[in-house]
Amino acid sequence: MTTLLKQLTSILPPQMLLPSELLQLYQWVEDNGLIEEYDGFLYGRISNDWENTPDITLTASYQSSLKYWFDIPEIANEIASRLVIFAKSGMDSSMLGIWIDDDNCLKYVHLGSGSGSTLCCVIANSTIEFLTLISIGYRELGFVSDFTLTPEENGDEPQVNQRFIDWLKDNFNIKSPSNGANIVKNPAQLWDDETTDNFCAWCKKQIAKK
């Protein structure tokens, strides 16, 4: 088990089993020397060039931020048993999580910071979908105005680490699509009055309990 992965598994609820594809991603990050340490936490990227896209940092250091995101004094068991933050996304400190939905299926989710991005939704239904999404080249997932747009149409300059792209193709036969429309199907916003996205609806329910 990689050192970066050990920090993630230390905060997982017992019923959350990580998909093998995600374990392979963490191994690839470590094998390529893309891990840094700061204040006792490890941080992993898919490139050592911070100009490369996407701006995503794998880290277990944001789990404690959930109580501030939900604006609650302590993280309730309903949240801690179903949601784990595994990455920081973008310059505004939005977060990426793994969430157990009502059908006991793992989903990849985006939690916008609120001060910047307000994207709050399921962004991938599987690890393969998640890996495909981050291969497209959007700089900050939380600031994609429309996932039918290519990164260029969204105002980004895609510069994805070619070693990462090659690894995806060689190991999972993933070919990057031009946009994320077939992956992010319900890009809900945190302040939407109504939503068809299950994760956003669940978050609103937790916030309403406080």
N, C-alpha and C. Protein backbone atom coordinates (compact mmCIF):
# COMPACT_ATOMS: atom_id res chain seq x y z
N MET A 1 0.84 -1.19 0.00
CA MET A 1 0.00 0.00 0.00
C MET A 1 0.88 1.25 0.00
N THR A 2 0.54 2.23 -0.84
CA THR A 2 1.33 3.44 -0.93
C THR A 2 1.16 4.29 0.33
N THR A 3 2.14 5.16 0.58
CA THR A 3 2.06 6.03 1.75
C THR A 3 0.87 7.00 1.64
N LEU A 4 0.63 7.50 0.44
CA LEU A 4 -0.50 8.41 0.22
C LEU A 4 -1.82 7.68 0.47
N LEU A 5 -1.90 6.45 0.01
CA LEU A 5 -3.11 5.66 0.18
C LEU A 5 -3.36 5.32 1.65
N LYS A 6 -2.30 5.10 2.41
CA LYS A 6 -2.45 4.79 3.84
C LYS A 6 -3.17 5.92 4.56
N GLN A 7 -2.85 7.16 4.20
CA GLN A 7 -3.53 8.28 4.86
C GLN A 7 -5.01 8.31 4.49
N LEU A 8 -5.34 7.95 3.26
CA LEU A 8 -6.74 7.90 2.87
C LEU A 8 -7.48 6.78 3.58
N THR A 9 -6.89 5.59 3.60
CA THR A 9 -7.58 4.45 4.22
C THR A 9 -7.77 4.66 5.72
N SER A 10 -6.94 5.49 6.34
CA SER A 10 -7.07 5.73 7.78
C SER A 10 -8.34 6.50 8.13
N ILE A 11 -8.95 7.16 7.16
CA ILE A 11 -10.17 7.93 7.43
C ILE A 11 -11.41 7.30 6.80
N LEU A 12 -11.26 6.14 6.17
CA LEU A 12 -12.40 5.49 5.53
C LEU A 12 -13.33 4.87 6.56
N PRO A 13 -14.65 4.96 6.35
CA PRO A 13 -15.57 4.19 7.18
C PRO A 13 -15.41 2.71 6.84
N PRO A 14 -15.70 1.80 7.77
CA PRO A 14 -15.46 0.36 7.56
C PRO A 14 -16.14 -0.20 6.32
N GLN A 15 -17.31 0.33 5.96
CA GLN A 15 -18.07 -0.24 4.85
C GLN A 15 -17.64 0.29 3.48
N MET A 16 -16.67 1.20 3.45
CA MET A 16 -16.24 1.76 2.17
C MET A 16 -14.99 1.04 1.67
N LEU A 17 -15.16 0.29 0.59
CA LEU A 17 -14.05 -0.43 -0.03
C LEU A 17 -13.65 0.30 -1.31
N LEU A 18 -12.39 0.66 -1.41
CA LEU A 18 -11.93 1.43 -2.55
C LEU A 18 -11.80 0.55 -3.79
N PRO A 19 -12.25 1.04 -4.95
CA PRO A 19 -12.13 0.29 -6.20
C PRO A 19 -10.67 0.06 -6.58
N SER A 20 -10.41 -1.05 -7.25
CA SER A 20 -9.03 -1.40 -7.62
C SER A 20 -8.41 -0.35 -8.54
N GLU A 21 -9.23 0.26 -9.40
CA GLU A 21 -8.70 1.28 -10.31
C GLU A 21 -8.18 2.49 -9.55
N LEU A 22 -8.83 2.84 -8.44
CA LEU A 22 -8.35 3.96 -7.64
C LEU A 22 -7.05 3.61 -6.93
N LEU A 23 -6.95 2.38 -6.46
CA LEU A 23 -5.71 1.92 -5.84
C LEU A 23 -4.56 2.00 -6.84
N GLN A 24 -4.85 1.64 -8.09
CA GLN A 24 -3.82 1.70 -9.13
C GLN A 24 -3.40 3.13 -9.42
N LEU A 25 -4.36 4.07 -9.36
CA LEU A 25 -4.02 5.48 -9.55
C LEU A 25 -3.05 5.95 -8.48
N TYR A 26 -3.32 5.62 -7.23
CA TYR A 26 -2.44 6.02 -6.13
C TYR A 26 -1.05 5.40 -6.29
N GLN A 27 -1.01 4.15 -6.75
CA GLN A 27 0.27 3.50 -6.96
C GLN A 27 1.05 4.19 -8.08
N TRP A 28 0.34 4.58 -9.14
CA TRP A 28 0.99 5.26 -10.26
C TRP A 28 1.56 6.61 -9.81
N VAL A 29 0.80 7.34 -9.02
CA VAL A 29 1.26 8.64 -8.51
C VAL A 29 2.54 8.46 -7.70
N GLU A 30 2.57 7.44 -6.83
CA GLU A 30 3.76 7.22 -6.02
C GLU A 30 4.93 6.72 -6.87
N ASP A 31 4.66 5.80 -7.79
CA ASP A 31 5.72 5.27 -8.64
C ASP A 31 6.40 6.36 -9.47
N ASN A 32 5.64 7.41 -9.78
CA ASN A 32 6.17 8.50 -10.60
C ASN A 32 6.71 9.66 -9.77
N GLY A 33 6.80 9.46 -8.46
CA GLY A 33 7.39 10.47 -7.59
C GLY A 33 6.61 11.77 -7.51
N LEU A 34 5.28 11.66 -7.55
CA LEU A 34 4.44 12.86 -7.60
C LEU A 34 3.78 13.15 -6.26
N ILE A 35 4.49 12.89 -5.17
CA ILE A 35 3.97 13.10 -3.82
C ILE A 35 4.86 14.07 -3.06
N GLU A 36 4.22 15.00 -2.35
CA GLU A 36 4.92 15.93 -1.47
C GLU A 36 4.31 15.84 -0.07
N GLU A 37 5.08 16.25 0.93
CA GLU A 37 4.58 16.22 2.31
C GLU A 37 4.60 17.63 2.89
N TYR A 38 3.52 17.96 3.62
CA TYR A 38 3.44 19.27 4.27
C TYR A 38 2.59 19.14 5.52
N ASP A 39 3.11 19.58 6.65
CA ASP A 39 2.40 19.56 7.93
C ASP A 39 1.83 18.18 8.26
N GLY A 40 2.58 17.15 7.95
CA GLY A 40 2.17 15.80 8.32
C GLY A 40 1.25 15.11 7.35
N PHE A 41 0.81 15.83 6.31
CA PHE A 41 -0.06 15.22 5.31
C PHE A 41 0.67 15.09 3.98
N LEU A 42 0.28 14.08 3.21
CA LEU A 42 0.84 13.85 1.89
C LEU A 42 -0.10 14.40 0.82
N TYR A 43 0.49 14.86 -0.27
CA TYR A 43 -0.27 15.46 -1.36
C TYR A 43 0.25 14.88 -2.67
N GLY A 44 -0.66 14.32 -3.47
CA GLY A 44 -0.27 13.70 -4.73
C GLY A 44 -0.93 14.37 -5.92
N ARG A 45 -0.21 14.45 -7.04
CA ARG A 45 -0.73 15.05 -8.27
C ARG A 45 -0.51 14.07 -9.42
N ILE A 46 -1.15 14.34 -10.55
CA ILE A 46 -0.89 13.50 -11.72
C ILE A 46 0.19 14.13 -12.61
N SER A 47 0.76 15.23 -12.15
CA SER A 47 1.87 15.87 -12.85
C SER A 47 2.66 16.70 -11.85
N ASN A 48 3.98 16.82 -12.06
CA ASN A 48 4.77 17.69 -11.20
C ASN A 48 4.80 19.12 -11.72
N ASP A 49 4.14 19.36 -12.84
CA ASP A 49 4.02 20.70 -13.41
C ASP A 49 2.66 21.27 -13.03
N TRP A 50 2.65 22.30 -12.19
CA TRP A 50 1.39 22.86 -11.71
C TRP A 50 0.62 23.59 -12.80
N GLU A 51 1.22 23.78 -13.95
CA GLU A 51 0.51 24.37 -15.08
C GLU A 51 -0.31 23.33 -15.82
N ASN A 52 0.00 22.05 -15.57
CA ASN A 52 -0.76 20.98 -16.22
C ASN A 52 -2.18 20.93 -15.65
N THR A 53 -3.09 20.39 -16.46
CA THR A 53 -4.47 20.23 -16.03
C THR A 53 -4.76 18.74 -15.79
N PRO A 54 -5.73 18.44 -14.91
CA PRO A 54 -6.55 19.35 -14.11
C PRO A 54 -5.85 19.75 -12.82
N ASP A 55 -6.38 20.78 -12.15
CA ASP A 55 -5.84 21.22 -10.87
C ASP A 55 -6.51 20.39 -9.76
N ILE A 56 -5.99 19.20 -9.55
CA ILE A 56 -6.52 18.27 -8.54
C ILE A 56 -5.35 17.73 -7.72
N THR A 57 -5.50 17.76 -6.41
CA THR A 57 -4.47 17.25 -5.51
C THR A 57 -5.06 16.18 -4.62
N LEU A 58 -4.53 14.97 -4.71
CA LEU A 58 -4.99 13.88 -3.85
C LEU A 58 -4.46 14.09 -2.44
N THR A 59 -5.35 14.12 -1.47
CA THR A 59 -4.95 14.31 -0.07
C THR A 59 -6.09 13.94 0.86
N ALA A 60 -5.72 13.42 2.02
CA ALA A 60 -6.72 13.11 3.06
C ALA A 60 -6.88 14.26 4.04
N SER A 61 -6.20 15.36 3.79
CA SER A 61 -6.13 16.45 4.77
C SER A 61 -7.40 17.29 4.85
N TYR A 62 -8.32 17.11 3.92
CA TYR A 62 -9.51 17.95 3.88
C TYR A 62 -10.72 17.32 4.56
N GLN A 63 -10.60 16.10 5.08
CA GLN A 63 -11.76 15.45 5.69
C GLN A 63 -12.35 16.28 6.84
N SER A 64 -11.50 16.87 7.64
CA SER A 64 -11.98 17.67 8.77
C SER A 64 -12.72 18.93 8.33
N SER A 65 -12.54 19.31 7.06
CA SER A 65 -13.21 20.51 6.55
C SER A 65 -14.70 20.29 6.32
N LEU A 66 -15.14 19.04 6.38
CA LEU A 66 -16.56 18.76 6.14
C LEU A 66 -17.47 19.48 7.13
N LYS A 67 -17.02 19.61 8.37
CA LYS A 67 -17.90 20.28 9.35
C LYS A 67 -18.09 21.76 9.00
N TYR A 68 -17.09 22.36 8.37
CA TYR A 68 -17.23 23.75 7.95
C TYR A 68 -18.08 23.83 6.68
N TRP A 69 -17.91 22.85 5.81
CA TRP A 69 -18.69 22.85 4.57
C TRP A 69 -20.17 22.69 4.88
N PHE A 70 -20.50 21.77 5.78
CA PHE A 70 -21.90 21.56 6.17
C PHE A 70 -22.35 22.56 7.24
N ASP A 71 -21.40 23.35 7.76
CA ASP A 71 -21.69 24.34 8.80
C ASP A 71 -22.30 23.69 10.04
N ILE A 72 -21.60 22.67 10.54
CA ILE A 72 -22.04 21.96 11.74
C ILE A 72 -20.86 21.86 12.70
N PRO A 73 -21.12 21.79 14.02
CA PRO A 73 -20.02 21.75 14.99
C PRO A 73 -19.19 20.49 14.92
N GLU A 74 -19.82 19.36 14.63
CA GLU A 74 -19.12 18.09 14.50
C GLU A 74 -19.71 17.31 13.33
N ILE A 75 -18.89 16.47 12.72
CA ILE A 75 -19.35 15.68 11.58
C ILE A 75 -20.25 14.56 12.09
N ALA A 76 -21.52 14.57 11.70
CA ALA A 76 -22.48 13.57 12.12
C ALA A 76 -22.15 12.21 11.51
N ASN A 77 -22.60 11.15 12.15
CA ASN A 77 -22.32 9.80 11.67
C ASN A 77 -22.89 9.56 10.28
N GLU A 78 -24.04 10.14 9.99
CA GLU A 78 -24.65 9.98 8.67
C GLU A 78 -23.72 10.49 7.57
N ILE A 79 -22.95 11.52 7.89
CA ILE A 79 -22.00 12.06 6.92
C ILE A 79 -20.70 11.26 6.94
N ALA A 80 -20.15 11.04 8.12
CA ALA A 80 -18.85 10.35 8.24
C ALA A 80 -18.90 8.92 7.72
N SER A 81 -20.06 8.28 7.79
CA SER A 81 -20.18 6.89 7.36
C SER A 81 -20.40 6.76 5.86
N ARG A 82 -20.62 7.88 5.17
CA ARG A 82 -20.96 7.80 3.75
C ARG A 82 -20.12 8.68 2.84
N LEU A 83 -19.36 9.62 3.40
CA LEU A 83 -18.65 10.59 2.57
C LEU A 83 -17.21 10.76 3.04
N VAL A 84 -16.27 10.57 2.13
CA VAL A 84 -14.85 10.76 2.43
C VAL A 84 -14.25 11.70 1.39
N ILE A 85 -13.54 12.72 1.86
CA ILE A 85 -12.87 13.65 0.96
C ILE A 85 -11.48 13.10 0.63
N PHE A 86 -11.20 12.93 -0.65
CA PHE A 86 -9.91 12.36 -1.05
C PHE A 86 -9.07 13.31 -1.89
N ALA A 87 -9.61 14.49 -2.22
CA ALA A 87 -8.83 15.41 -3.06
C ALA A 87 -9.31 16.84 -2.92
N LYS A 88 -8.39 17.74 -3.15
CA LYS A 88 -8.69 19.17 -3.29
C LYS A 88 -8.81 19.45 -4.78
N SER A 89 -9.77 20.29 -5.15
CA SER A 89 -10.00 20.58 -6.56
C SER A 89 -10.03 22.09 -6.79
N GLY A 90 -9.08 22.60 -7.55
CA GLY A 90 -9.09 24.01 -7.92
C GLY A 90 -8.46 24.92 -6.89
N MET A 91 -8.28 26.17 -7.29
CA MET A 91 -7.63 27.16 -6.44
C MET A 91 -8.53 27.64 -5.31
N ASP A 92 -9.84 27.41 -5.42
CA ASP A 92 -10.77 27.90 -4.40
C ASP A 92 -10.99 26.89 -3.28
N SER A 93 -10.23 25.79 -3.31
CA SER A 93 -10.32 24.74 -2.29
C SER A 93 -11.66 24.01 -2.29
N SER A 94 -12.24 23.85 -3.47
CA SER A 94 -13.35 22.90 -3.60
C SER A 94 -12.80 21.51 -3.32
N MET A 95 -13.69 20.56 -3.09
CA MET A 95 -13.25 19.23 -2.68
C MET A 95 -13.88 18.15 -3.56
N LEU A 96 -13.17 17.03 -3.68
CA LEU A 96 -13.70 15.84 -4.34
C LEU A 96 -13.87 14.75 -3.29
N GLY A 97 -14.99 14.05 -3.37
CA GLY A 97 -15.25 13.01 -2.39
C GLY A 97 -15.70 11.71 -3.01
N ILE A 98 -15.66 10.67 -2.19
CA ILE A 98 -16.26 9.39 -2.53
C ILE A 98 -17.47 9.23 -1.62
N TRP A 99 -18.61 8.99 -2.21
CA TRP A 99 -19.87 8.97 -1.47
C TRP A 99 -20.60 7.65 -1.70
N ILE A 100 -21.13 7.10 -0.62
CA ILE A 100 -21.97 5.91 -0.71
C ILE A 100 -23.41 6.37 -0.84
N ASP A 101 -24.05 6.07 -1.98
CA ASP A 101 -25.41 6.55 -2.19
C ASP A 101 -26.43 5.64 -1.49
N ASP A 102 -27.70 5.94 -1.68
CA ASP A 102 -28.76 5.20 -0.99
C ASP A 102 -28.84 3.74 -1.44
N ASP A 103 -28.27 3.43 -2.60
CA ASP A 103 -28.25 2.05 -3.10
C ASP A 103 -26.94 1.34 -2.76
N ASN A 104 -26.15 1.96 -1.88
CA ASN A 104 -24.87 1.40 -1.43
C ASN A 104 -23.84 1.31 -2.55
N CYS A 105 -23.94 2.23 -3.51
CA CYS A 105 -22.98 2.29 -4.62
C CYS A 105 -22.03 3.48 -4.40
N LEU A 106 -20.77 3.31 -4.78
CA LEU A 106 -19.79 4.39 -4.65
C LEU A 106 -19.91 5.37 -5.82
N LYS A 107 -19.94 6.64 -5.50
CA LYS A 107 -19.98 7.70 -6.50
C LYS A 107 -18.87 8.71 -6.20
N TYR A 108 -18.37 9.33 -7.25
CA TYR A 108 -17.39 10.41 -7.10
C TYR A 108 -18.15 11.73 -7.17
N VAL A 109 -17.89 12.61 -6.19
CA VAL A 109 -18.70 13.82 -6.07
C VAL A 109 -17.82 15.06 -5.94
N HIS A 110 -18.40 16.18 -6.31
CA HIS A 110 -17.73 17.48 -6.20
C HIS A 110 -18.46 18.32 -5.17
N LEU A 111 -17.71 18.91 -4.25
CA LEU A 111 -18.26 19.81 -3.24
C LEU A 111 -17.64 21.18 -3.43
N GLY A 112 -18.38 22.07 -4.10
CA GLY A 112 -17.87 23.41 -4.35
C GLY A 112 -17.60 24.16 -3.06
N SER A 113 -16.62 25.04 -3.10
CA SER A 113 -16.23 25.77 -1.89
C SER A 113 -17.33 26.71 -1.40
N GLY A 114 -18.20 27.13 -2.30
CA GLY A 114 -19.24 28.09 -1.93
C GLY A 114 -18.79 29.52 -2.14
N SER A 115 -17.53 29.80 -1.83
CA SER A 115 -16.98 31.14 -2.06
C SER A 115 -16.50 31.30 -3.50
N GLY A 116 -16.33 30.18 -4.17
CA GLY A 116 -15.94 30.18 -5.57
C GLY A 116 -16.91 29.31 -6.34
N SER A 117 -16.56 28.06 -6.52
CA SER A 117 -17.44 27.11 -7.19
C SER A 117 -18.62 26.74 -6.30
N THR A 118 -19.78 26.54 -6.91
CA THR A 118 -20.95 26.04 -6.19
C THR A 118 -21.41 24.70 -6.76
N LEU A 119 -20.57 24.08 -7.58
CA LEU A 119 -20.92 22.78 -8.16
C LEU A 119 -21.00 21.74 -7.04
N CYS A 120 -22.14 21.09 -6.92
CA CYS A 120 -22.36 20.09 -5.87
C CYS A 120 -23.15 18.95 -6.48
N CYS A 121 -22.44 17.90 -6.89
CA CYS A 121 -23.13 16.83 -7.61
C CYS A 121 -22.23 15.61 -7.78
N VAL A 122 -22.84 14.54 -8.27
CA VAL A 122 -22.08 13.37 -8.69
C VAL A 122 -21.35 13.73 -9.98
N ILE A 123 -20.04 13.52 -10.00
CA ILE A 123 -19.28 13.82 -11.21
C ILE A 123 -18.85 12.56 -11.95
N ALA A 124 -19.00 11.40 -11.31
CA ALA A 124 -18.66 10.13 -11.98
C ALA A 124 -19.32 8.99 -11.22
N ASN A 125 -19.85 8.04 -11.97
CA ASN A 125 -20.51 6.88 -11.38
C ASN A 125 -19.57 5.71 -11.15
N SER A 126 -18.34 5.83 -11.59
CA SER A 126 -17.35 4.77 -11.41
C SER A 126 -15.96 5.38 -11.46
N THR A 127 -14.97 4.59 -11.06
CA THR A 127 -13.60 5.09 -11.11
C THR A 127 -13.15 5.30 -12.56
N ILE A 128 -13.56 4.42 -13.44
CA ILE A 128 -13.21 4.58 -14.85
C ILE A 128 -13.76 5.89 -15.39
N GLU A 129 -15.01 6.21 -15.03
CA GLU A 129 -15.57 7.49 -15.44
C GLU A 129 -14.78 8.65 -14.84
N PHE A 130 -14.40 8.54 -13.58
CA PHE A 130 -13.63 9.61 -12.94
C PHE A 130 -12.29 9.81 -13.63
N LEU A 131 -11.59 8.72 -13.89
CA LEU A 131 -10.29 8.82 -14.57
C LEU A 131 -10.45 9.41 -15.96
N THR A 132 -11.52 9.04 -16.64
CA THR A 132 -11.80 9.59 -17.96
C THR A 132 -12.05 11.09 -17.87
N LEU A 133 -12.82 11.50 -16.88
CA LEU A 133 -13.15 12.92 -16.71
C LEU A 133 -11.91 13.77 -16.49
N ILE A 134 -11.01 13.30 -15.63
CA ILE A 134 -9.83 14.13 -15.34
C ILE A 134 -8.79 14.07 -16.45
N SER A 135 -9.02 13.20 -17.43
CA SER A 135 -8.10 13.14 -18.58
C SER A 135 -8.48 14.13 -19.67
N ILE A 136 -9.67 14.72 -19.57
CA ILE A 136 -10.16 15.59 -20.64
C ILE A 136 -9.37 16.89 -20.73
N GLY A 137 -9.02 17.45 -19.56
CA GLY A 137 -8.20 18.65 -19.57
C GLY A 137 -8.84 19.90 -19.01
N TYR A 138 -10.04 19.79 -18.43
CA TYR A 138 -10.60 20.95 -17.74
C TYR A 138 -9.67 21.35 -16.60
N ARG A 139 -9.40 22.64 -16.46
CA ARG A 139 -8.48 23.07 -15.40
C ARG A 139 -9.11 22.89 -14.02
N GLU A 140 -10.32 23.41 -13.83
CA GLU A 140 -11.00 23.30 -12.54
C GLU A 140 -12.41 22.79 -12.78
N LEU A 141 -12.69 21.59 -12.29
CA LEU A 141 -14.00 20.98 -12.55
C LEU A 141 -15.13 21.86 -12.04
N GLY A 142 -14.90 22.56 -10.95
CA GLY A 142 -15.95 23.38 -10.36
C GLY A 142 -16.31 24.61 -11.17
N PHE A 143 -15.49 24.94 -12.16
CA PHE A 143 -15.75 26.12 -12.96
C PHE A 143 -16.00 25.78 -14.43
N VAL A 144 -16.45 24.56 -14.67
CA VAL A 144 -16.89 24.21 -16.02
C VAL A 144 -18.33 24.69 -16.15
N SER A 145 -18.56 25.65 -17.02
CA SER A 145 -19.89 26.25 -17.13
C SER A 145 -20.90 25.32 -17.77
N ASP A 146 -20.42 24.41 -18.61
CA ASP A 146 -21.30 23.48 -19.32
C ASP A 146 -20.44 22.31 -19.77
N PHE A 147 -20.76 21.11 -19.30
CA PHE A 147 -19.91 19.96 -19.60
C PHE A 147 -20.08 19.45 -21.03
N THR A 148 -20.94 20.08 -21.83
CA THR A 148 -20.96 19.77 -23.26
C THR A 148 -19.86 20.53 -23.99
N LEU A 149 -19.23 21.48 -23.31
CA LEU A 149 -18.13 22.25 -23.90
C LEU A 149 -16.82 21.49 -23.80
N THR A 150 -15.97 21.67 -24.77
CA THR A 150 -14.60 21.18 -24.67
C THR A 150 -13.85 22.09 -23.70
N PRO A 151 -12.69 21.67 -23.19
CA PRO A 151 -11.91 22.57 -22.34
C PRO A 151 -11.62 23.91 -23.01
N GLU A 152 -11.29 23.87 -24.29
CA GLU A 152 -10.98 25.10 -25.02
C GLU A 152 -12.20 26.02 -25.07
N GLU A 153 -13.37 25.44 -25.32
CA GLU A 153 -14.60 26.23 -25.37
C GLU A 153 -14.96 26.79 -23.99
N ASN A 154 -14.48 26.11 -22.94
CA ASN A 154 -14.72 26.58 -21.57
C ASN A 154 -13.70 27.64 -21.13
N GLY A 155 -12.74 27.93 -22.01
CA GLY A 155 -11.72 28.92 -21.69
C GLY A 155 -10.47 28.34 -21.07
N ASP A 156 -10.34 27.01 -21.07
CA ASP A 156 -9.16 26.36 -20.52
C ASP A 156 -8.15 26.04 -21.61
N GLU A 157 -6.93 25.80 -21.19
CA GLU A 157 -5.88 25.33 -22.09
C GLU A 157 -5.43 23.96 -21.60
N PRO A 158 -6.02 22.89 -22.15
CA PRO A 158 -5.71 21.55 -21.65
C PRO A 158 -4.25 21.17 -21.84
N GLN A 159 -3.61 20.79 -20.73
CA GLN A 159 -2.22 20.35 -20.76
C GLN A 159 -2.09 19.16 -19.81
N VAL A 160 -2.68 18.05 -20.17
CA VAL A 160 -2.66 16.87 -19.31
C VAL A 160 -1.34 16.13 -19.49
N ASN A 161 -0.77 15.69 -18.39
CA ASN A 161 0.48 14.93 -18.40
C ASN A 161 0.36 13.75 -19.36
N GLN A 162 1.20 13.71 -20.40
CA GLN A 162 1.10 12.66 -21.41
C GLN A 162 1.38 11.28 -20.82
N ARG A 163 2.23 11.21 -19.81
CA ARG A 163 2.48 9.91 -19.15
C ARG A 163 1.20 9.37 -18.51
N PHE A 164 0.40 10.27 -17.96
CA PHE A 164 -0.88 9.88 -17.36
C PHE A 164 -1.84 9.39 -18.44
N ILE A 165 -1.91 10.11 -19.55
CA ILE A 165 -2.78 9.72 -20.66
C ILE A 165 -2.38 8.34 -21.19
N ASP A 166 -1.08 8.12 -21.35
CA ASP A 166 -0.59 6.83 -21.85
C ASP A 166 -0.91 5.71 -20.86
N TRP A 167 -0.77 5.99 -19.57
CA TRP A 167 -1.07 4.99 -18.54
C TRP A 167 -2.55 4.61 -18.57
N LEU A 168 -3.42 5.59 -18.74
CA LEU A 168 -4.85 5.30 -18.82
C LEU A 168 -5.18 4.41 -20.00
N LYS A 169 -4.56 4.69 -21.14
CA LYS A 169 -4.82 3.90 -22.34
C LYS A 169 -4.26 2.49 -22.20
N ASP A 170 -3.05 2.38 -21.67
CA ASP A 170 -2.40 1.07 -21.57
C ASP A 170 -3.07 0.17 -20.54
N ASN A 171 -3.57 0.74 -19.45
CA ASN A 171 -4.10 -0.06 -18.36
C ASN A 171 -5.61 -0.22 -18.37
N PHE A 172 -6.33 0.77 -18.90
CA PHE A 172 -7.79 0.72 -18.85
C PHE A 172 -8.45 0.95 -20.21
N ASN A 173 -7.63 1.11 -21.25
CA ASN A 173 -8.13 1.39 -22.59
C ASN A 173 -9.00 2.65 -22.60
N ILE A 174 -8.62 3.63 -21.79
CA ILE A 174 -9.35 4.89 -21.73
C ILE A 174 -8.83 5.84 -22.81
N LYS A 175 -9.75 6.35 -23.61
CA LYS A 175 -9.43 7.38 -24.59
C LYS A 175 -10.21 8.63 -24.21
N SER A 176 -9.53 9.73 -24.10
CA SER A 176 -10.16 10.95 -23.60
C SER A 176 -11.21 11.47 -24.57
N PRO A 177 -12.44 11.67 -24.09
CA PRO A 177 -13.47 12.27 -24.95
C PRO A 177 -13.23 13.77 -25.08
N SER A 178 -13.98 14.41 -25.94
CA SER A 178 -13.78 15.85 -26.16
C SER A 178 -14.40 16.69 -25.05
N ASN A 179 -15.40 16.13 -24.35
CA ASN A 179 -16.05 16.86 -23.26
C ASN A 179 -16.56 15.87 -22.21
N GLY A 180 -17.14 16.41 -21.13
CA GLY A 180 -17.57 15.54 -20.03
C GLY A 180 -19.06 15.33 -19.95
N ALA A 181 -19.79 15.62 -21.02
CA ALA A 181 -21.25 15.57 -20.98
C ALA A 181 -21.80 14.18 -20.69
N ASN A 182 -21.11 13.14 -21.14
CA ASN A 182 -21.60 11.78 -20.91
C ASN A 182 -21.20 11.24 -19.54
N ILE A 183 -20.46 12.04 -18.78
CA ILE A 183 -20.01 11.62 -17.45
C ILE A 183 -20.73 12.42 -16.37
N VAL A 184 -20.65 13.74 -16.45
CA VAL A 184 -21.34 14.62 -15.49
C VAL A 184 -22.72 14.94 -16.07
N LYS A 185 -23.70 14.16 -15.67
CA LYS A 185 -25.02 14.24 -16.31
C LYS A 185 -25.96 15.24 -15.65
N ASN A 186 -25.77 15.50 -14.36
CA ASN A 186 -26.63 16.45 -13.64
C ASN A 186 -25.77 17.43 -12.85
N PRO A 187 -25.16 18.39 -13.51
CA PRO A 187 -24.25 19.33 -12.83
C PRO A 187 -24.99 20.33 -11.95
N ALA A 188 -25.45 19.85 -10.79
CA ALA A 188 -26.24 20.68 -9.89
C ALA A 188 -25.37 21.70 -9.16
N GLN A 189 -26.00 22.78 -8.76
CA GLN A 189 -25.33 23.82 -7.99
C GLN A 189 -25.84 23.80 -6.55
N LEU A 190 -24.97 24.15 -5.64
CA LEU A 190 -25.27 24.08 -4.21
C LEU A 190 -26.53 24.84 -3.84
N TRP A 191 -26.77 25.97 -4.50
CA TRP A 191 -27.90 26.82 -4.10
C TRP A 191 -29.13 26.60 -4.96
N ASP A 192 -29.16 25.56 -5.78
CA ASP A 192 -30.36 25.26 -6.57
C ASP A 192 -31.54 24.97 -5.63
N ASP A 193 -32.70 25.55 -5.93
CA ASP A 193 -33.89 25.29 -5.11
C ASP A 193 -34.34 23.84 -5.25
N GLU A 194 -34.24 23.31 -6.45
CA GLU A 194 -34.60 21.92 -6.71
C GLU A 194 -33.48 21.26 -7.51
N THR A 195 -33.30 19.97 -7.29
CA THR A 195 -32.23 19.27 -8.01
C THR A 195 -32.63 17.82 -8.26
N THR A 196 -32.17 17.29 -9.37
CA THR A 196 -32.36 15.87 -9.66
C THR A 196 -31.11 15.07 -9.34
N ASP A 197 -30.07 15.76 -8.85
CA ASP A 197 -28.83 15.07 -8.48
C ASP A 197 -28.96 14.53 -7.07
N ASN A 198 -28.73 13.23 -6.92
CA ASN A 198 -28.93 12.58 -5.61
C ASN A 198 -27.98 13.08 -4.54
N PHE A 199 -26.74 13.36 -4.92
CA PHE A 199 -25.78 13.83 -3.93
C PHE A 199 -26.13 15.23 -3.44
N CYS A 200 -26.47 16.11 -4.35
CA CYS A 200 -26.84 17.47 -3.96
C CYS A 200 -28.06 17.45 -3.05
N ALA A 201 -29.03 16.60 -3.39
CA ALA A 201 -30.24 16.48 -2.56
C ALA A 201 -29.88 15.96 -1.17
N TRP A 202 -28.97 14.99 -1.10
CA TRP A 202 -28.54 14.44 0.19
C TRP A 202 -27.83 15.50 1.02
N CYS A 203 -26.98 16.29 0.39
CA CYS A 203 -26.28 17.37 1.10
C CYS A 203 -27.27 18.38 1.68
N LYS A 204 -28.25 18.75 0.89
CA LYS A 204 -29.25 19.70 1.36
C LYS A 204 -30.00 19.14 2.57
N LYS A 205 -30.26 17.85 2.54
CA LYS A 205 -30.95 17.20 3.66
C LYS A 205 -30.10 17.27 4.93
N GLN A 206 -28.79 17.05 4.79
CA GLN A 206 -27.90 17.11 5.96
C GLN A 206 -27.81 18.53 6.50
N ILE A 207 -27.74 19.50 5.60
CA ILE A 207 -27.65 20.90 6.02
C ILE A 207 -28.92 21.33 6.75
N ALA A 208 -30.07 20.82 6.27
CA ALA A 208 -31.35 21.18 6.88
C ALA A 208 -31.50 20.66 8.31
N LYS A 209 -30.69 19.65 8.67
CA LYS A 209 -30.79 19.05 10.00
C LYS A 209 -30.16 19.90 11.09
N LYS A 210 -29.28 20.81 10.70
CA LYS A 210 -28.49 21.53 11.72
C LYS A 210 -29.36 22.46 12.57
